[in-house]
Amino acid sequence: MAYVMDDRILEMPIEERYKGLWLQKYRFHRNHPQETVFIEQFKNSSYYTEEMARLTTEMMSRLLEMGQEDIRQGLVINLPLDVIYMMTFTVAINLAKMHIETGVRLSQEMLEAIAGRVCGSVLN
């Protein structure tokens, strides 16, 4: 998850930030299919402990704090961050997996449009 911690993206205005993070997440999972499968299997295994979940949350603390602040400022709809993640970034992962599994190719223009719509669904 550290691959999303790009200061250039994190410093952008909210709409561009969400879209940039979404596109970066999509590209990572599309370009790293083995890592994507491993991450999913590992997170759903008995080897992924509460301690590992805590460390992951700690590593992502800056991003989580930004998300909470966006909600407090009314920039993002007032839902739990897990729900916002499911509504946005899970779509990026699923589209990347579709690309890997079926070979369906989405143009950059399509990806930009999808990212804008998906991220726009959680922005006020």
Protein backbone atom coordinates (compact mmCIF):
# COMPACT_ATOMS: atom_id res chain seq x y z
CA MET A 1 0.00 0.00 0.00
CA ALA A 2 2.99 2.25 0.28
CA TYR A 3 2.84 2.60 -3.51
CA VAL A 4 0.05 5.14 -3.10
CA MET A 5 2.06 7.35 -0.77
CA ASP A 6 3.24 9.72 -3.49
CA ASP A 7 3.60 13.20 -2.03
CA ARG A 8 2.89 14.83 -5.40
CA ILE A 9 -0.52 13.16 -5.52
CA LEU A 10 -1.24 13.66 -1.82
CA GLU A 11 -0.66 17.42 -2.15
CA MET A 12 -3.14 17.83 -5.01
CA PRO A 13 -6.63 19.30 -4.56
CA ILE A 14 -9.09 16.66 -3.41
CA GLU A 15 -10.64 15.72 -6.75
CA GLU A 16 -7.26 15.31 -8.44
CA ARG A 17 -5.88 13.53 -5.36
CA TYR A 18 -8.61 10.89 -5.31
CA LYS A 19 -8.41 10.41 -9.06
CA GLY A 20 -4.60 10.21 -8.94
CA LEU A 21 -4.65 7.66 -6.13
CA TRP A 22 -7.30 5.64 -7.97
CA LEU A 23 -5.27 5.56 -11.19
CA GLN A 24 -2.09 4.72 -9.32
CA LYS A 25 -3.83 1.85 -7.50
CA TYR A 26 -5.26 0.54 -10.79
CA ARG A 27 -1.86 0.67 -12.50
CA PHE A 28 -0.09 -1.06 -9.63
CA HIS A 29 -2.51 -3.98 -9.55
CA ARG A 30 -2.66 -4.26 -13.36
CA ASN A 31 1.14 -4.26 -13.62
CA HIS A 32 1.71 -6.58 -10.64
CA PRO A 33 -0.72 -9.48 -11.00
CA GLN A 34 1.29 -11.91 -8.86
CA GLU A 35 1.57 -9.43 -6.01
CA THR A 36 -2.16 -8.71 -6.28
CA VAL A 37 -3.04 -12.40 -5.96
CA PHE A 38 -0.59 -12.82 -3.09
CA ILE A 39 -1.93 -9.81 -1.18
CA GLU A 40 -5.51 -11.05 -1.49
CA GLN A 41 -4.64 -14.59 -0.46
CA PHE A 42 -2.47 -13.42 2.41
CA LYS A 43 -5.05 -10.98 3.79
CA ASN A 44 -7.64 -13.77 3.76
CA SER A 45 -5.39 -16.34 5.41
CA SER A 46 -4.75 -17.24 9.02
CA TYR A 47 -1.26 -15.75 8.62
CA TYR A 48 -2.69 -12.22 8.46
CA THR A 49 -2.99 -11.36 12.11
CA GLU A 50 -4.50 -8.45 13.98
CA GLU A 51 -0.96 -7.24 14.59
CA MET A 52 -0.32 -7.12 10.84
CA ALA A 53 -3.60 -5.28 10.30
CA ARG A 54 -2.54 -2.77 12.98
CA LEU A 55 0.86 -2.27 11.32
CA THR A 56 -0.81 -1.76 7.93
CA THR A 57 -3.12 0.85 9.44
CA GLU A 58 -0.13 2.53 11.09
CA MET A 59 1.74 2.62 7.77
CA MET A 60 -1.30 4.17 6.09
CA SER A 61 -1.97 6.60 8.95
CA ARG A 62 -1.17 9.73 6.91
CA LEU A 63 -3.63 8.72 4.20
CA LEU A 64 -6.27 7.76 6.77
CA GLU A 65 -5.84 11.07 8.59
CA MET A 66 -6.24 12.93 5.31
CA GLY A 67 -9.44 10.99 4.62
CA GLN A 68 -10.86 11.83 8.05
CA GLU A 69 -9.96 15.49 7.59
CA ASP A 70 -11.64 15.51 4.18
CA ILE A 71 -14.81 14.18 5.83
CA ARG A 72 -14.60 16.76 8.66
CA GLN A 73 -14.26 19.56 6.12
CA GLY A 74 -17.27 18.28 4.20
CA LEU A 75 -15.22 17.52 1.09
CA VAL A 76 -16.11 13.82 1.22
CA ILE A 77 -19.43 12.23 2.14
CA ASN A 78 -19.75 11.32 5.79
CA LEU A 79 -19.29 7.55 5.67
CA PRO A 80 -16.73 5.28 7.32
CA LEU A 81 -13.43 5.28 5.43
CA ASP A 82 -13.79 1.53 4.81
CA VAL A 83 -17.02 2.20 2.92
CA ILE A 84 -15.44 5.02 0.92
CA TYR A 85 -12.55 2.68 0.07
CA MET A 86 -14.99 0.00 -1.11
CA MET A 87 -16.88 2.53 -3.23
CA THR A 88 -13.74 3.80 -4.94
CA PHE A 89 -10.47 1.91 -4.72
CA THR A 90 -11.96 -1.59 -4.73
CA VAL A 91 -13.30 -0.74 -8.19
CA ALA A 92 -9.73 0.01 -9.32
CA ILE A 93 -8.52 -3.35 -8.02
CA ASN A 94 -11.42 -5.23 -9.63
CA LEU A 95 -10.89 -3.54 -13.01
CA ALA A 96 -7.18 -4.36 -12.85
CA LYS A 97 -8.04 -7.99 -12.08
CA MET A 98 -10.48 -8.01 -15.01
CA HIS A 99 -7.66 -6.75 -17.24
CA ILE A 100 -5.34 -9.50 -15.96
CA GLU A 101 -7.90 -12.32 -16.17
CA THR A 102 -9.67 -11.47 -19.44
CA GLY A 103 -7.23 -9.27 -21.30
CA VAL A 104 -9.82 -6.49 -21.59
CA ARG A 105 -7.89 -3.31 -22.23
CA LEU A 106 -9.17 0.06 -21.11
CA SER A 107 -7.79 3.15 -22.79
CA GLN A 108 -6.29 5.93 -20.72
CA GLU A 109 -9.30 8.05 -21.64
CA MET A 110 -11.68 5.36 -20.31
CA LEU A 111 -9.66 4.96 -17.12
CA GLU A 112 -9.70 8.72 -16.53
CA ALA A 113 -13.48 8.78 -17.04
CA ILE A 114 -14.02 5.81 -14.71
CA ALA A 115 -11.75 7.30 -12.06
CA GLY A 116 -13.58 10.61 -12.25
CA ARG A 117 -17.01 9.01 -11.90
CA VAL A 118 -16.04 6.58 -9.17
CA CYS A 119 -14.17 9.13 -7.09
CA GLY A 120 -16.85 11.74 -7.73
CA SER A 121 -19.37 9.42 -6.08
CA VAL A 122 -17.80 10.08 -2.68
CA LEU A 123 -16.95 13.76 -3.06
CA ASN A 124 -19.28 16.58 -1.99
